[in-house]
Amino acid sequence: MDKLKVWIAIKMANRRQYGHKLINLSDLLKWVPSHLRGEAKRCIEELCKEGFLNKRPGVQGEFRYSLRIDKKREIDKLIEEER
């Protein structure tokens, strides 16, 4: 798996962004260095397609994201492999 995808999952897991605890895309991208933000958007969409992230509509057309609670064991396994 791409290192940036794992890094995003680690950051969200450390902040307990599971289930109904959603974060706006703009706030999520603030965690990423500015030169990697385009790549981060692609990684976030791929994480959604792979089933690791929930994607919900937010205010003013901006989407909100959270980690899927039913994938917590797989996410924890990815984090342990990375460390």
PDB file of N, CA and C in Angstrom:
ATOM      1  N   MET A   1       0.848  -1.181   0.000  1.00  0.00           N
ATOM      2  CA  MET A   1       0.000   0.000   0.000  1.00  0.00           C
ATOM      3  C   MET A   1       0.893   1.243   0.000  1.00  0.00           C
ATOM      4  N   ASP A   2       0.422   2.257  -0.629  1.00  0.00           N
ATOM      5  CA  ASP A   2       1.134   3.524  -0.738  1.00  0.00           C
ATOM      6  C   ASP A   2       1.417   4.102   0.648  1.00  0.00           C
ATOM      7  N   LYS A   3       2.624   4.624   0.859  1.00  0.00           N
ATOM      8  CA  LYS A   3       3.015   5.161   2.163  1.00  0.00           C
ATOM      9  C   LYS A   3       2.136   6.325   2.597  1.00  0.00           C
ATOM     10  N   LEU A   4       1.723   7.166   1.660  1.00  0.00           N
ATOM     11  CA  LEU A   4       0.880   8.307   2.013  1.00  0.00           C
ATOM     12  C   LEU A   4      -0.492   7.841   2.490  1.00  0.00           C
ATOM     13  N   LYS A   5      -1.023   6.780   1.880  1.00  0.00           N
ATOM     14  CA  LYS A   5      -2.310   6.239   2.319  1.00  0.00           C
ATOM     15  C   LYS A   5      -2.204   5.712   3.749  1.00  0.00           C
ATOM     16  N   VAL A   6      -1.138   5.001   4.034  1.00  0.00           N
ATOM     17  CA  VAL A   6      -0.930   4.474   5.379  1.00  0.00           C
ATOM     18  C   VAL A   6      -0.745   5.619   6.366  1.00  0.00           C
ATOM     19  N   TRP A   7      -0.005   6.643   5.966  1.00  0.00           N
ATOM     20  CA  TRP A   7       0.231   7.793   6.835  1.00  0.00           C
ATOM     21  C   TRP A   7      -1.082   8.498   7.185  1.00  0.00           C
ATOM     22  N   ILE A   8      -1.964   8.656   6.200  1.00  0.00           N
ATOM     23  CA  ILE A   8      -3.272   9.280   6.437  1.00  0.00           C
ATOM     24  C   ILE A   8      -4.093   8.415   7.395  1.00  0.00           C
ATOM     25  N   ALA A   9      -4.076   7.102   7.185  1.00  0.00           N
ATOM     26  CA  ALA A   9      -4.815   6.194   8.073  1.00  0.00           C
ATOM     27  C   ALA A   9      -4.267   6.256   9.497  1.00  0.00           C
ATOM     28  N   ILE A  10      -2.953   6.334   9.643  1.00  0.00           N
ATOM     29  CA  ILE A  10      -2.334   6.437  10.966  1.00  0.00           C
ATOM     30  C   ILE A  10      -2.767   7.716  11.658  1.00  0.00           C
ATOM     31  N   LYS A  11      -2.706   8.839  10.937  1.00  0.00           N
ATOM     32  CA  LYS A  11      -3.097  10.127  11.516  1.00  0.00           C
ATOM     33  C   LYS A  11      -4.552  10.112  11.970  1.00  0.00           C
ATOM     34  N   MET A  12      -5.429   9.556  11.136  1.00  0.00           N
ATOM     35  CA  MET A  12      -6.848   9.507  11.493  1.00  0.00           C
ATOM     36  C   MET A  12      -7.083   8.565  12.674  1.00  0.00           C
ATOM     37  N   ALA A  13      -6.376   7.441  12.712  1.00  0.00           N
ATOM     38  CA  ALA A  13      -6.541   6.490  13.815  1.00  0.00           C
ATOM     39  C   ALA A  13      -6.030   7.087  15.125  1.00  0.00           C
ATOM     40  N   ASN A  14      -4.918   7.800  15.067  1.00  0.00           N
ATOM     41  CA  ASN A  14      -4.377   8.428  16.274  1.00  0.00           C
ATOM     42  C   ASN A  14      -5.341   9.462  16.843  1.00  0.00           C
ATOM     43  N   ARG A  15      -6.106  10.097  15.989  1.00  0.00           N
ATOM     44  CA  ARG A  15      -7.080  11.100  16.430  1.00  0.00           C
ATOM     45  C   ARG A  15      -8.477  10.509  16.598  1.00  0.00           C
ATOM     46  N   ARG A  16      -8.564   9.193  16.499  1.00  0.00           N
ATOM     47  CA  ARG A  16      -9.805   8.441  16.702  1.00  0.00           C
ATOM     48  C   ARG A  16     -10.945   8.932  15.812  1.00  0.00           C
ATOM     49  N   GLN A  17     -10.664   9.071  14.545  1.00  0.00           N
ATOM     50  CA  GLN A  17     -11.645   9.525  13.558  1.00  0.00           C
ATOM     51  C   GLN A  17     -12.418   8.326  13.004  1.00  0.00           C
ATOM     52  N   TYR A  18     -13.070   7.580  13.889  1.00  0.00           N
ATOM     53  CA  TYR A  18     -13.835   6.405  13.498  1.00  0.00           C
ATOM     54  C   TYR A  18     -15.331   6.705  13.525  1.00  0.00           C
ATOM     55  N   GLY A  19     -16.077   6.012  12.685  1.00  0.00           N
ATOM     56  CA  GLY A  19     -17.537   6.060  12.732  1.00  0.00           C
ATOM     57  C   GLY A  19     -18.127   7.423  12.455  1.00  0.00           C
ATOM     58  N   HIS A  20     -18.823   7.974  13.441  1.00  0.00           N
ATOM     59  CA  HIS A  20     -19.528   9.240  13.260  1.00  0.00           C
ATOM     60  C   HIS A  20     -18.673  10.453  13.587  1.00  0.00           C
ATOM     61  N   LYS A  21     -17.407  10.265  13.896  1.00  0.00           N
ATOM     62  CA  LYS A  21     -16.512  11.393  14.142  1.00  0.00           C
ATOM     63  C   LYS A  21     -15.863  11.767  12.806  1.00  0.00           C
ATOM     64  N   LEU A  22     -16.498  12.695  12.111  1.00  0.00           N
ATOM     65  CA  LEU A  22     -16.111  13.051  10.746  1.00  0.00           C
ATOM     66  C   LEU A  22     -15.177  14.252  10.724  1.00  0.00           C
ATOM     67  N   ILE A  23     -14.367  14.343   9.670  1.00  0.00           N
ATOM     68  CA  ILE A  23     -13.475  15.476   9.472  1.00  0.00           C
ATOM     69  C   ILE A  23     -13.633  15.963   8.038  1.00  0.00           C
ATOM     70  N   ASN A  24     -13.662  17.277   7.867  1.00  0.00           N
ATOM     71  CA  ASN A  24     -13.775  17.872   6.533  1.00  0.00           C
ATOM     72  C   ASN A  24     -12.517  17.595   5.719  1.00  0.00           C
ATOM     73  N   LEU A  25     -12.681  17.523   4.415  1.00  0.00           N
ATOM     74  CA  LEU A  25     -11.545  17.293   3.530  1.00  0.00           C
ATOM     75  C   LEU A  25     -10.505  18.395   3.683  1.00  0.00           C
ATOM     76  N   SER A  26     -10.930  19.637   3.783  1.00  0.00           N
ATOM     77  CA  SER A  26      -9.967  20.739   3.905  1.00  0.00           C
ATOM     78  C   SER A  26      -9.144  20.625   5.190  1.00  0.00           C
ATOM     79  N   ASP A  27      -9.782  20.202   6.273  1.00  0.00           N
ATOM     80  CA  ASP A  27      -9.049  20.028   7.529  1.00  0.00           C
ATOM     81  C   ASP A  27      -8.107  18.832   7.461  1.00  0.00           C
ATOM     82  N   LEU A  28      -8.533  17.798   6.781  1.00  0.00           N
ATOM     83  CA  LEU A  28      -7.700  16.614   6.601  1.00  0.00           C
ATOM     84  C   LEU A  28      -6.455  16.946   5.783  1.00  0.00           C
ATOM     85  N   LEU A  29      -6.624  17.778   4.765  1.00  0.00           N
ATOM     86  CA  LEU A  29      -5.491  18.141   3.913  1.00  0.00           C
ATOM     87  C   LEU A  29      -4.509  19.083   4.612  1.00  0.00           C
ATOM     88  N   LYS A  30      -4.935  19.738   5.686  1.00  0.00           N
ATOM     89  CA  LYS A  30      -4.020  20.604   6.444  1.00  0.00           C
ATOM     90  C   LYS A  30      -2.922  19.801   7.127  1.00  0.00           C
ATOM     91  N   TRP A  31      -3.158  18.509   7.360  1.00  0.00           N
ATOM     92  CA  TRP A  31      -2.150  17.658   7.984  1.00  0.00           C
ATOM     93  C   TRP A  31      -1.015  17.328   7.027  1.00  0.00           C
ATOM     94  N   VAL A  32      -1.274  17.448   5.726  1.00  0.00           N
ATOM     95  CA  VAL A  32      -0.333  17.024   4.687  1.00  0.00           C
ATOM     96  C   VAL A  32       0.478  18.225   4.217  1.00  0.00           C
ATOM     97  N   PRO A  33       1.783  18.047   3.956  1.00  0.00           N
ATOM     98  CA  PRO A  33       2.562  19.150   3.395  1.00  0.00           C
ATOM     99  C   PRO A  33       1.966  19.636   2.078  1.00  0.00           C
ATOM    100  N   SER A  34       2.117  20.926   1.807  1.00  0.00           N
ATOM    101  CA  SER A  34       1.433  21.543   0.669  1.00  0.00           C
ATOM    102  C   SER A  34       1.821  20.920  -0.672  1.00  0.00           C
ATOM    103  N   HIS A  35       3.040  20.451  -0.816  1.00  0.00           N
ATOM    104  CA  HIS A  35       3.449  19.885  -2.103  1.00  0.00           C
ATOM    105  C   HIS A  35       2.889  18.480  -2.328  1.00  0.00           C
ATOM    106  N   LEU A  36       2.260  17.881  -1.308  1.00  0.00           N
ATOM    107  CA  LEU A  36       1.693  16.542  -1.444  1.00  0.00           C
ATOM    108  C   LEU A  36       0.163  16.523  -1.397  1.00  0.00           C
ATOM    109  N   ARG A  37      -0.477  17.676  -1.386  1.00  0.00           N
ATOM    110  CA  ARG A  37      -1.929  17.718  -1.203  1.00  0.00           C
ATOM    111  C   ARG A  37      -2.695  17.118  -2.374  1.00  0.00           C
ATOM    112  N   GLY A  38      -2.238  17.301  -3.590  1.00  0.00           N
ATOM    113  CA  GLY A  38      -2.906  16.683  -4.740  1.00  0.00           C
ATOM    114  C   GLY A  38      -2.831  15.172  -4.671  1.00  0.00           C
ATOM    115  N   GLU A  39      -1.664  14.677  -4.305  1.00  0.00           N
ATOM    116  CA  GLU A  39      -1.476  13.235  -4.135  1.00  0.00           C
ATOM    117  C   GLU A  39      -2.334  12.722  -2.976  1.00  0.00           C
ATOM    118  N   ALA A  40      -2.467  13.510  -1.920  1.00  0.00           N
ATOM    119  CA  ALA A  40      -3.263  13.111  -0.763  1.00  0.00           C
ATOM    120  C   ALA A  40      -4.737  12.987  -1.126  1.00  0.00           C
ATOM    121  N   LYS A  41      -5.245  13.883  -1.964  1.00  0.00           N
ATOM    122  CA  LYS A  41      -6.640  13.784  -2.400  1.00  0.00           C
ATOM    123  C   LYS A  41      -6.880  12.472  -3.131  1.00  0.00           C
ATOM    124  N   ARG A  42      -5.934  12.101  -3.988  1.00  0.00           N
ATOM    125  CA  ARG A  42      -6.036  10.842  -4.721  1.00  0.00           C
ATOM    126  C   ARG A  42      -6.007   9.657  -3.749  1.00  0.00           C
ATOM    127  N   CYS A  43      -5.136   9.717  -2.766  1.00  0.00           N
ATOM    128  CA  CYS A  43      -5.030   8.636  -1.787  1.00  0.00           C
ATOM    129  C   CYS A  43      -6.301   8.503  -0.954  1.00  0.00           C
ATOM    130  N   ILE A  44      -6.906   9.628  -0.596  1.00  0.00           N
ATOM    131  CA  ILE A  44      -8.144   9.608   0.190  1.00  0.00           C
ATOM    132  C   ILE A  44      -9.259   8.949  -0.616  1.00  0.00           C
ATOM    133  N   GLU A  45      -9.356   9.285  -1.895  1.00  0.00           N
ATOM    134  CA  GLU A  45     -10.378   8.662  -2.743  1.00  0.00           C
ATOM    135  C   GLU A  45     -10.128   7.162  -2.899  1.00  0.00           C
ATOM    136  N   GLU A  46      -8.865   6.767  -3.007  1.00  0.00           N
ATOM    137  CA  GLU A  46      -8.548   5.345  -3.117  1.00  0.00           C
ATOM    138  C   GLU A  46      -8.895   4.604  -1.827  1.00  0.00           C
ATOM    139  N   LEU A  47      -8.647   5.244  -0.674  1.00  0.00           N
ATOM    140  CA  LEU A  47      -9.020   4.629   0.600  1.00  0.00           C
ATOM    141  C   LEU A  47     -10.529   4.437   0.696  1.00  0.00           C
ATOM    142  N   CYS A  48     -11.292   5.367   0.126  1.00  0.00           N
ATOM    143  CA  CYS A  48     -12.747   5.225   0.096  1.00  0.00           C
ATOM    144  C   CYS A  48     -13.150   4.040  -0.777  1.00  0.00           C
ATOM    145  N   LYS A  49     -12.534   3.925  -1.949  1.00  0.00           N
ATOM    146  CA  LYS A  49     -12.854   2.828  -2.865  1.00  0.00           C
ATOM    147  C   LYS A  49     -12.471   1.475  -2.282  1.00  0.00           C
ATOM    148  N   GLU A  50     -11.377   1.449  -1.502  1.00  0.00           N
ATOM    149  CA  GLU A  50     -10.928   0.202  -0.882  1.00  0.00           C
ATOM    150  C   GLU A  50     -11.747  -0.148   0.357  1.00  0.00           C
ATOM    151  N   GLY A  51     -12.592   0.773   0.801  1.00  0.00           N
ATOM    152  CA  GLY A  51     -13.485   0.492   1.913  1.00  0.00           C
ATOM    153  C   GLY A  51     -12.959   0.852   3.284  1.00  0.00           C
ATOM    154  N   PHE A  52     -11.884   1.607   3.367  1.00  0.00           N
ATOM    155  CA  PHE A  52     -11.332   1.981   4.661  1.00  0.00           C
ATOM    156  C   PHE A  52     -11.930   3.282   5.207  1.00  0.00           C
ATOM    157  N   LEU A  53     -12.446   4.139   4.332  1.00  0.00           N
ATOM    158  CA  LEU A  53     -12.995   5.425   4.751  1.00  0.00           C
ATOM    159  C   LEU A  53     -14.472   5.534   4.410  1.00  0.00           C
ATOM    160  N   ASN A  54     -15.213   6.200   5.293  1.00  0.00           N
ATOM    161  CA  ASN A  54     -16.581   6.624   5.004  1.00  0.00           C
ATOM    162  C   ASN A  54     -16.515   8.000   4.371  1.00  0.00           C
ATOM    163  N   LYS A  55     -17.388   8.257   3.419  1.00  0.00           N
ATOM    164  CA  LYS A  55     -17.458   9.560   2.761  1.00  0.00           C
ATOM    165  C   LYS A  55     -18.883  10.060   2.870  1.00  0.00           C
ATOM    166  N   ARG A  56     -19.060  11.195   3.524  1.00  0.00           N
ATOM    167  CA  ARG A  56     -20.386  11.761   3.732  1.00  0.00           C
ATOM    168  C   ARG A  56     -20.422  13.182   3.178  1.00  0.00           C
ATOM    169  N   PRO A  57     -21.563  13.602   2.650  1.00  0.00           N
ATOM    170  CA  PRO A  57     -21.667  14.992   2.214  1.00  0.00           C
ATOM    171  C   PRO A  57     -21.640  15.927   3.419  1.00  0.00           C
ATOM    172  N   GLY A  58     -20.984  17.057   3.241  1.00  0.00           N
ATOM    173  CA  GLY A  58     -20.890  18.029   4.319  1.00  0.00           C
ATOM    174  C   GLY A  58     -21.510  19.351   3.916  1.00  0.00           C
ATOM    175  N   VAL A  59     -21.106  20.390   4.577  1.00  0.00           N
ATOM    176  CA  VAL A  59     -21.629  21.724   4.336  1.00  0.00           C
ATOM    177  C   VAL A  59     -20.933  22.327   3.117  1.00  0.00           C
ATOM    178  N   GLN A  60     -21.665  23.073   2.330  1.00  0.00           N
ATOM    179  CA  GLN A  60     -21.152  23.796   1.162  1.00  0.00           C
ATOM    180  C   GLN A  60     -20.466  22.881   0.156  1.00  0.00           C
ATOM    181  N   GLY A  61     -20.983  21.678   0.001  1.00  0.00           N
ATOM    182  CA  GLY A  61     -20.471  20.770  -1.019  1.00  0.00           C
ATOM    183  C   GLY A  61     -19.164  20.087  -0.687  1.00  0.00           C
ATOM    184  N   GLU A  62     -18.639  20.290   0.506  1.00  0.00           N
ATOM    185  CA  GLU A  62     -17.385  19.652   0.899  1.00  0.00           C
ATOM    186  C   GLU A  62     -17.687  18.320   1.576  1.00  0.00           C
ATOM    187  N   PHE A  63     -16.948  17.292   1.220  1.00  0.00           N
ATOM    188  CA  PHE A  63     -17.183  15.980   1.807  1.00  0.00           C
ATOM    189  C   PHE A  63     -16.467  15.859   3.143  1.00  0.00           C
ATOM    190  N   ARG A  64     -17.000  14.959   3.988  1.00  0.00           N
ATOM    191  CA  ARG A  64     -16.429  14.682   5.290  1.00  0.00           C
ATOM    192  C   ARG A  64     -16.074  13.203   5.345  1.00  0.00           C
ATOM    193  N   TYR A  65     -15.003  12.878   6.041  1.00  0.00           N
ATOM    194  CA  TYR A  65     -14.474  11.517   6.041  1.00  0.00           C
ATOM    195  C   TYR A  65     -14.265  11.009   7.455  1.00  0.00           C
ATOM    196  N   SER A  66     -14.352   9.682   7.611  1.00  0.00           N
ATOM    197  CA  SER A  66     -13.995   9.002   8.851  1.00  0.00           C
ATOM    198  C   SER A  66     -13.568   7.581   8.504  1.00  0.00           C
ATOM    199  N   LEU A  67     -12.815   6.971   9.416  1.00  0.00           N
ATOM    200  CA  LEU A  67     -12.425   5.582   9.228  1.00  0.00           C
ATOM    201  C   LEU A  67     -13.611   4.682   9.537  1.00  0.00           C
ATOM    202  N   ARG A  68     -13.723   3.600   8.807  1.00  0.00           N
ATOM    203  CA  ARG A  68     -14.831   2.662   9.040  1.00  0.00           C
ATOM    204  C   ARG A  68     -14.528   1.827  10.269  1.00  0.00           C
ATOM    205  N   ILE A  69     -15.478   1.782  11.175  1.00  0.00           N
ATOM    206  CA  ILE A  69     -15.303   1.060  12.435  1.00  0.00           C
ATOM    207  C   ILE A  69     -15.194  -0.445  12.211  1.00  0.00           C
ATOM    208  N   ASP A  70     -15.854  -0.968  11.178  1.00  0.00           N
ATOM    209  CA  ASP A  70     -15.793  -2.404  10.918  1.00  0.00           C
ATOM    210  C   ASP A  70     -14.462  -2.825  10.296  1.00  0.00           C
ATOM    211  N   LYS A  71     -13.655  -1.878   9.861  1.00  0.00           N
ATOM    212  CA  LYS A  71     -12.332  -2.176   9.301  1.00  0.00           C
ATOM    213  C   LYS A  71     -11.215  -1.860  10.295  1.00  0.00           C
ATOM    214  N   LYS A  72     -11.558  -1.655  11.566  1.00  0.00           N
ATOM    215  CA  LYS A  72     -10.578  -1.239  12.572  1.00  0.00           C
ATOM    216  C   LYS A  72      -9.429  -2.237  12.699  1.00  0.00           C
ATOM    217  N   ARG A  73      -9.725  -3.529  12.692  1.00  0.00           N
ATOM    218  CA  ARG A  73      -8.663  -4.536  12.817  1.00  0.00           C
ATOM    219  C   ARG A  73      -7.702  -4.484  11.631  1.00  0.00           C
ATOM    220  N   GLU A  74      -8.236  -4.317  10.433  1.00  0.00           N
ATOM    221  CA  GLU A  74      -7.375  -4.225   9.248  1.00  0.00           C
ATOM    222  C   GLU A  74      -6.526  -2.960   9.287  1.00  0.00           C
ATOM    223  N   ILE A  75      -7.108  -1.866   9.747  1.00  0.00           N
ATOM    224  CA  ILE A  75      -6.373  -0.607   9.845  1.00  0.00           C
ATOM    225  C   ILE A  75      -5.267  -0.733  10.882  1.00  0.00           C
ATOM    226  N   ASP A  76      -5.576  -1.341  12.030  1.00  0.00           N
ATOM    227  CA  ASP A  76      -4.558  -1.545  13.064  1.00  0.00           C
ATOM    228  C   ASP A  76      -3.432  -2.442  12.552  1.00  0.00           C
ATOM    229  N   LYS A  77      -3.786  -3.439  11.734  1.00  0.00           N
ATOM    230  CA  LYS A  77      -2.774  -4.334  11.152  1.00  0.00           C
ATOM    231  C   LYS A  77      -1.858  -3.551  10.205  1.00  0.00           C
ATOM    232  N   LEU A  78      -2.430  -2.675   9.381  1.00  0.00           N
ATOM    233  CA  LEU A  78      -1.624  -1.834   8.491  1.00  0.00           C
ATOM    234  C   LEU A  78      -0.678  -0.937   9.274  1.00  0.00           C
ATOM    235  N   ILE A  79      -1.184  -0.377  10.358  1.00  0.00           N
ATOM    236  CA  ILE A  79      -0.370   0.521  11.180  1.00  0.00           C
ATOM    237  C   ILE A  79       0.788  -0.247  11.801  1.00  0.00           C
ATOM    238  N   GLU A  80       0.534  -1.450  12.301  1.00  0.00           N
ATOM    239  CA  GLU A  80       1.596  -2.260  12.906  1.00  0.00           C
ATOM    240  C   GLU A  80       2.644  -2.668  11.871  1.00  0.00           C
ATOM    241  N   GLU A  81       2.209  -2.970  10.654  1.00  0.00           N
ATOM    242  CA  GLU A  81       3.165  -3.339   9.588  1.00  0.00           C
ATOM    243  C   GLU A  81       4.060  -2.155   9.232  1.00  0.00           C
ATOM    244  N   GLU A  82       3.502  -0.955   9.299  1.00  0.00           N
ATOM    245  CA  GLU A  82       4.268   0.244   8.931  1.00  0.00           C
ATOM    246  C   GLU A  82       5.308   0.586   9.991  1.00  0.00           C
ATOM    247  N   ARG A  83       4.994   0.329  11.247  1.00  0.00           N
ATOM    248  CA  ARG A  83       5.921   0.670  12.340  1.00  0.00           C
ATOM    249  C   ARG A  83       6.941  -0.365  12.478  1.00  0.00           C
TER     250      ARG A  83
END
